[in-house]
Amino acid sequence: MAQAPELDFDGFVSRKRSEKKAPAGQAVPDGREYAYRFDRQTREAFERMRPVQLVVAKTVRMFKSVWRNQLLGSAVKVSDRQFPRIQKVTEQCAATLGIPTPQVYITNNPHLNAGTYGTDDESFIIVHSALVDHYSDEELLTVIGHECGHVHNGHVVYLTALHYIVRVAGVFLAWVLPPALIALNAWSRRAEITSDRAAMLCSKDPATAERAITKLALGSRKLYEEFNLEAFLEQHHEGREGVGKYMEVFASHPWLPKRVLAMREFAKSDFYRQAVGLEGGVPMAEVDERVSALLKGDA
């Protein structure tokens, strides 16, 4: 595989910030211009919904008093002394995005998964042990970069709320649960697009990022070498027919083929290409429109 271009993301952000200020009514560059526009818009919309705010406030308070102590007692805390290789990967991702290094915990779990929870002041990443076993360091950059993207874009409190709504909060807040859950899931699917873009900025190589994401569909070392990515993406077109496609509305993540196709659109963007030292590219507004059509099933 050809060597990926060097990613000077910090330099790119510095150059963007040094440009003239945006006209009135437009956002000033803040390093998060890669974020999916409809992620921000959806979050702003449901933040005005009283049921969502009630659930978020109560579930995050519950987390603060319970979950962190459970982690310290049942998971392994990553540091320079404990799994320094994973700590280094995390520090690299955090430096790329310009955020403080989140705390990582490794938990014993056979499913390929990771998640980010906590508050804006105290974020942490949980990585399942199976994922570390199956992923190379380069692929791990994608996964942890994705989770760091949640931190960078202010997703953490809402991801924590969504986690507890599904598992705990419904017992105490049943009267506000349905509207909050629908709103949070709708936002979460868009937030995943933003964080997949952060993952690409951290991994530097779109092919590696795609491989890391699609491994989630398999979970089998025996099958990775035989996996045909293009055939997998064709499933997206097959899945556009029938009422089953509407089941995605109840999911917190877009279907995996959509995520890969959305990543390919971002790889064409002027933001990504400039961030990795290339010229040209598609304006981010156009990329977001293409991804929006993709998520709706119109592409």
Protein backbone atom coordinates (compact mmCIF):
# COMPACT_ATOMS: atom_id res chain seq x y z
CA MET A 1 0.00 0.00 0.00
CA ALA A 2 1.27 3.49 -0.79
CA GLN A 3 2.49 5.58 2.13
CA ALA A 4 -0.25 7.92 3.36
CA PRO A 5 0.64 11.61 3.30
CA GLU A 6 1.83 13.11 6.58
CA LEU A 7 -1.03 14.57 8.60
CA ASP A 8 -0.24 18.04 9.91
CA PHE A 9 -3.66 18.62 11.43
CA ASP A 10 -2.44 21.07 14.09
CA GLY A 11 -0.72 23.13 11.42
CA PHE A 12 -3.84 23.06 9.30
CA VAL A 13 -5.99 24.26 12.20
CA SER A 14 -3.48 27.03 12.94
CA ARG A 15 -3.61 28.17 9.34
CA LYS A 16 -7.39 28.13 9.36
CA ARG A 17 -7.52 30.17 12.56
CA SER A 18 -5.11 32.74 11.14
CA GLU A 19 -7.40 33.42 8.22
CA LYS A 20 -9.68 36.45 8.34
CA LYS A 21 -12.66 36.22 10.63
CA ALA A 22 -15.89 34.88 9.22
CA PRO A 23 -18.56 37.39 8.19
CA ALA A 24 -21.36 38.13 10.65
CA GLY A 25 -23.72 35.20 11.05
CA GLN A 26 -21.10 32.61 10.03
CA ALA A 27 -19.13 30.34 12.35
CA VAL A 28 -15.51 31.19 13.09
CA PRO A 29 -13.17 28.21 12.48
CA ASP A 30 -12.63 26.28 15.73
CA GLY A 31 -10.92 23.08 14.58
CA ARG A 32 -14.23 21.21 14.33
CA GLU A 33 -15.12 22.24 10.80
CA TYR A 34 -15.01 18.58 9.83
CA ALA A 35 -18.13 17.90 11.94
CA TYR A 36 -21.24 16.73 10.10
CA ARG A 37 -23.47 19.79 9.93
CA PHE A 38 -26.65 17.86 10.71
CA ASP A 39 -25.04 16.45 13.86
CA ARG A 40 -24.81 19.98 15.26
CA GLN A 41 -28.24 21.02 14.00
CA THR A 42 -30.01 17.96 15.42
CA ARG A 43 -28.32 18.39 18.79
CA GLU A 44 -29.32 22.05 18.93
CA ALA A 45 -32.90 21.07 18.16
CA PHE A 46 -33.33 18.39 20.79
CA GLU A 47 -31.48 20.42 23.40
CA ARG A 48 -34.59 22.62 23.36
CA MET A 49 -36.84 19.64 24.16
CA ARG A 50 -37.75 19.54 27.87
CA PRO A 51 -38.09 15.71 28.06
CA VAL A 52 -34.60 15.27 26.65
CA GLN A 53 -33.14 17.76 29.12
CA LEU A 54 -34.79 16.00 32.07
CA VAL A 55 -33.42 12.63 31.02
CA VAL A 56 -29.94 13.98 30.34
CA ALA A 57 -29.70 15.75 33.70
CA LYS A 58 -30.90 12.80 35.75
CA THR A 59 -28.94 10.10 33.96
CA VAL A 60 -25.64 11.97 34.03
CA ARG A 61 -26.03 12.57 37.77
CA MET A 62 -26.65 8.85 38.15
CA PHE A 63 -23.47 8.08 36.22
CA LYS A 64 -21.38 10.40 38.39
CA SER A 65 -22.37 8.56 41.54
CA VAL A 66 -22.21 4.97 40.32
CA TRP A 67 -20.40 4.03 37.12
CA ARG A 68 -16.91 5.42 37.69
CA ASN A 69 -16.43 3.41 40.88
CA GLN A 70 -17.68 0.31 39.09
CA LEU A 71 -15.07 0.80 36.40
CA LEU A 72 -12.24 1.20 38.89
CA GLY A 73 -13.30 -2.05 40.50
CA SER A 74 -13.90 -4.17 37.40
CA ALA A 75 -11.87 -2.74 34.46
CA VAL A 76 -8.17 -2.00 33.90
CA LYS A 77 -7.12 1.66 33.78
CA VAL A 78 -4.69 2.44 30.95
CA SER A 79 -1.63 4.59 31.74
CA ASP A 80 2.07 4.94 30.99
CA ARG A 81 2.61 2.02 33.40
CA GLN A 82 -0.36 -0.08 32.29
CA PHE A 83 -0.59 -0.90 28.57
CA PRO A 84 1.67 2.00 27.46
CA ARG A 85 1.15 1.07 23.80
CA ILE A 86 -2.58 1.86 24.07
CA GLN A 87 -1.81 4.96 26.07
CA LYS A 88 0.49 6.18 23.31
CA VAL A 89 -2.20 5.61 20.67
CA THR A 90 -4.68 7.58 22.78
CA GLU A 91 -2.24 10.45 23.27
CA GLN A 92 -1.56 10.54 19.53
CA CYS A 93 -5.28 10.80 18.73
CA ALA A 94 -5.85 13.46 21.38
CA ALA A 95 -2.94 15.53 20.08
CA THR A 96 -4.23 15.28 16.51
CA LEU A 97 -7.62 16.68 17.52
CA GLY A 98 -6.27 19.12 20.09
CA ILE A 99 -8.04 17.76 23.18
CA PRO A 100 -6.82 16.58 26.61
CA THR A 101 -6.00 12.87 26.61
CA PRO A 102 -9.11 10.97 27.75
CA GLN A 103 -8.79 8.19 30.31
CA VAL A 104 -9.07 4.73 28.72
CA TYR A 105 -10.29 1.58 30.48
CA ILE A 106 -9.98 -1.96 29.11
CA THR A 107 -12.88 -4.20 30.01
CA ASN A 108 -13.20 -7.96 29.56
CA ASN A 109 -15.73 -8.33 26.77
CA PRO A 110 -15.79 -10.67 23.71
CA HIS A 111 -17.57 -8.17 21.45
CA LEU A 112 -15.67 -5.75 19.21
CA ASN A 113 -16.71 -2.41 20.59
CA ALA A 114 -15.65 0.80 22.32
CA GLY A 115 -17.57 3.72 23.81
CA THR A 116 -17.10 7.16 25.31
CA TYR A 117 -18.94 8.34 28.41
CA GLY A 118 -18.80 10.82 31.28
CA THR A 119 -19.16 14.57 31.25
CA ASP A 120 -17.51 17.45 29.45
CA ASP A 121 -15.12 17.81 32.39
CA GLU A 122 -14.37 14.11 32.85
CA SER A 123 -14.53 11.94 29.73
CA PHE A 124 -13.37 8.35 29.50
CA ILE A 125 -13.21 5.66 26.84
CA ILE A 126 -14.08 2.02 27.39
CA VAL A 127 -12.38 -0.41 24.99
CA HIS A 128 -13.43 -4.06 24.90
CA SER A 129 -10.53 -6.51 25.23
CA ALA A 130 -11.61 -8.40 22.08
CA LEU A 131 -11.14 -5.28 20.00
CA VAL A 132 -7.52 -4.94 21.13
CA ASP A 133 -6.93 -8.59 20.20
CA HIS A 134 -8.34 -8.17 16.69
CA TYR A 135 -6.98 -4.74 15.72
CA SER A 136 -3.53 -3.59 14.64
CA ASP A 137 -2.13 -0.41 16.17
CA GLU A 138 -3.06 1.47 12.98
CA GLU A 139 -6.65 0.21 13.19
CA LEU A 140 -6.74 1.03 16.89
CA LEU A 141 -5.92 4.62 15.93
CA THR A 142 -9.17 4.65 14.00
CA VAL A 143 -11.23 3.32 16.90
CA ILE A 144 -9.74 5.55 19.57
CA GLY A 145 -9.71 8.47 17.13
CA HIS A 146 -13.44 7.93 16.64
CA GLU A 147 -13.99 8.03 20.41
CA CYS A 148 -11.80 11.13 20.75
CA GLY A 149 -13.99 12.70 18.08
CA HIS A 150 -16.95 12.35 20.43
CA VAL A 151 -14.98 14.22 23.10
CA HIS A 152 -13.83 16.90 20.64
CA ASN A 153 -17.37 17.62 19.48
CA GLY A 154 -19.14 17.72 22.85
CA HIS A 155 -21.02 14.45 22.40
CA VAL A 156 -20.08 12.81 25.69
CA VAL A 157 -22.91 13.89 27.99
CA TYR A 158 -25.53 12.86 25.44
CA LEU A 159 -23.90 9.49 24.74
CA THR A 160 -23.91 8.84 28.49
CA ALA A 161 -27.58 9.77 28.68
CA LEU A 162 -28.45 7.50 25.75
CA HIS A 163 -26.57 4.60 27.37
CA TYR A 164 -28.48 4.98 30.63
CA ILE A 165 -31.85 5.56 28.99
CA VAL A 166 -31.59 2.17 27.32
CA ARG A 167 -30.32 0.33 30.40
CA VAL A 168 -31.47 2.11 33.54
CA ALA A 169 -33.30 5.41 33.31
CA GLY A 170 -36.50 4.01 31.80
CA VAL A 171 -37.39 2.55 35.18
CA PHE A 172 -37.46 6.01 36.76
CA LEU A 173 -38.38 8.23 33.81
CA ALA A 174 -40.83 6.14 31.78
CA TRP A 175 -43.11 9.09 31.06
CA VAL A 176 -40.43 11.01 29.17
CA LEU A 177 -38.53 8.06 27.72
CA PRO A 178 -40.03 7.64 24.18
CA PRO A 179 -39.51 11.21 22.88
CA ALA A 180 -36.07 11.44 24.49
CA LEU A 181 -34.95 8.10 23.08
CA ILE A 182 -36.11 8.90 19.54
CA ALA A 183 -34.45 12.32 19.61
CA LEU A 184 -31.18 11.02 21.04
CA ASN A 185 -30.98 8.12 18.59
CA ALA A 186 -31.62 10.45 15.65
CA TRP A 187 -28.81 12.70 16.83
CA SER A 188 -26.50 9.77 17.66
CA ARG A 189 -26.61 8.44 14.10
CA ARG A 190 -25.41 11.83 12.87
CA ALA A 191 -22.82 12.14 15.62
CA GLU A 192 -21.30 8.84 14.45
CA ILE A 193 -20.65 10.40 11.05
CA THR A 194 -18.76 13.25 12.70
CA SER A 195 -16.67 10.86 14.79
CA ASP A 196 -15.89 8.63 11.81
CA ARG A 197 -14.37 11.74 10.22
CA ALA A 198 -12.27 12.36 13.34
CA ALA A 199 -11.13 8.74 13.09
CA MET A 200 -9.93 9.34 9.53
CA LEU A 201 -7.99 12.42 10.61
CA CYS A 202 -6.28 10.35 13.30
CA SER A 203 -5.54 7.24 11.23
CA LYS A 204 -4.24 9.23 8.21
CA ASP A 205 -5.19 6.42 5.83
CA PRO A 206 -8.78 6.04 4.54
CA ALA A 207 -8.23 2.36 3.66
CA THR A 208 -7.15 1.55 7.22
CA ALA A 209 -10.10 3.49 8.63
CA GLU A 210 -12.53 1.60 6.39
CA ARG A 211 -11.00 -1.73 7.39
CA ALA A 212 -11.29 -0.90 11.08
CA ILE A 213 -14.96 0.02 10.75
CA THR A 214 -15.94 -3.01 8.66
CA LYS A 215 -14.21 -5.44 11.01
CA LEU A 216 -17.06 -4.67 13.39
CA ALA A 217 -19.38 -6.59 11.06
CA LEU A 218 -17.28 -9.78 11.23
CA GLY A 219 -15.43 -10.37 14.47
CA SER A 220 -13.60 -13.36 12.94
CA ARG A 221 -9.88 -13.46 12.19
CA LYS A 222 -10.47 -16.31 9.74
CA LEU A 223 -12.73 -14.15 7.60
CA TYR A 224 -10.79 -10.87 7.50
CA GLU A 225 -8.47 -11.94 4.67
CA GLU A 226 -11.39 -13.14 2.52
CA PHE A 227 -13.53 -10.07 3.15
CA ASN A 228 -14.64 -8.24 -0.02
CA LEU A 229 -15.34 -4.64 0.92
CA GLU A 230 -16.98 -3.68 -2.38
CA ALA A 231 -19.40 -6.61 -2.17
CA PHE A 232 -20.20 -5.54 1.39
CA LEU A 233 -21.02 -2.02 0.24
CA GLU A 234 -23.41 -3.40 -2.36
CA GLN A 235 -25.54 -4.56 0.56
CA HIS A 236 -26.46 -0.92 1.11
CA HIS A 237 -28.25 -0.82 -2.25
CA GLU A 238 -30.00 -4.13 -1.58
CA GLY A 239 -31.12 -2.88 1.83
CA ARG A 240 -32.88 0.15 0.35
CA GLU A 241 -35.86 -2.02 -0.62
CA GLY A 242 -38.56 -3.25 1.76
CA VAL A 243 -39.97 -2.01 5.05
CA GLY A 244 -37.00 -3.43 6.97
CA LYS A 245 -34.97 -0.36 6.06
CA TYR A 246 -37.04 1.66 8.53
CA MET A 247 -35.65 -0.34 11.46
CA GLU A 248 -32.62 1.92 11.34
CA VAL A 249 -34.70 4.66 13.00
CA PHE A 250 -34.44 2.71 16.26
CA ALA A 251 -30.64 2.34 16.00
CA SER A 252 -28.02 4.58 17.59
CA HIS A 253 -25.59 4.00 14.67
CA PRO A 254 -26.12 4.12 10.90
CA TRP A 255 -25.81 0.76 9.14
CA LEU A 256 -22.14 -0.04 8.54
CA PRO A 257 -22.20 0.18 4.72
CA LYS A 258 -23.58 3.72 5.02
CA ARG A 259 -20.80 4.67 7.39
CA VAL A 260 -18.12 3.49 4.97
CA LEU A 261 -19.74 5.28 2.05
CA ALA A 262 -19.99 8.46 4.14
CA MET A 263 -16.29 8.16 5.01
CA ARG A 264 -15.47 7.96 1.30
CA GLU A 265 -17.36 11.19 0.73
CA PHE A 266 -15.36 12.89 3.49
CA ALA A 267 -12.10 11.63 1.95
CA LYS A 268 -12.99 13.71 -1.15
CA SER A 269 -13.57 16.90 0.87
CA ASP A 270 -11.36 19.96 0.69
CA PHE A 271 -11.03 19.86 4.50
CA TYR A 272 -9.64 16.33 4.63
CA ARG A 273 -7.42 16.72 1.59
CA GLN A 274 -5.89 19.94 2.92
CA ALA A 275 -5.46 18.40 6.38
CA VAL A 276 -3.36 15.59 4.87
CA GLY A 277 -1.36 17.88 2.61
CA LEU A 278 -3.25 17.49 -0.65
CA GLU A 279 -4.86 20.08 -2.89
CA GLY A 280 -8.40 20.51 -4.15
CA GLY A 281 -11.43 18.66 -2.96
CA VAL A 282 -15.19 19.00 -2.60
CA PRO A 283 -16.55 21.78 -0.32
CA MET A 284 -17.74 20.46 3.05
CA ALA A 285 -21.26 21.78 2.47
CA GLU A 286 -21.54 19.62 -0.63
CA VAL A 287 -20.10 16.61 1.19
CA ASP A 288 -22.69 17.03 3.94
CA GLU A 289 -25.51 17.17 1.40
CA ARG A 290 -24.30 13.95 -0.22
CA VAL A 291 -24.04 12.24 3.17
CA SER A 292 -27.49 13.47 4.14
CA ALA A 293 -28.95 11.89 1.01
CA LEU A 294 -27.04 8.70 1.78
CA LEU A 295 -28.42 8.48 5.33
CA LYS A 296 -31.94 9.11 4.09
CA GLY A 297 -31.60 6.39 1.48
CA ASP A 298 -31.74 8.74 -1.49
CA ALA A 299 -28.18 8.06 -2.67
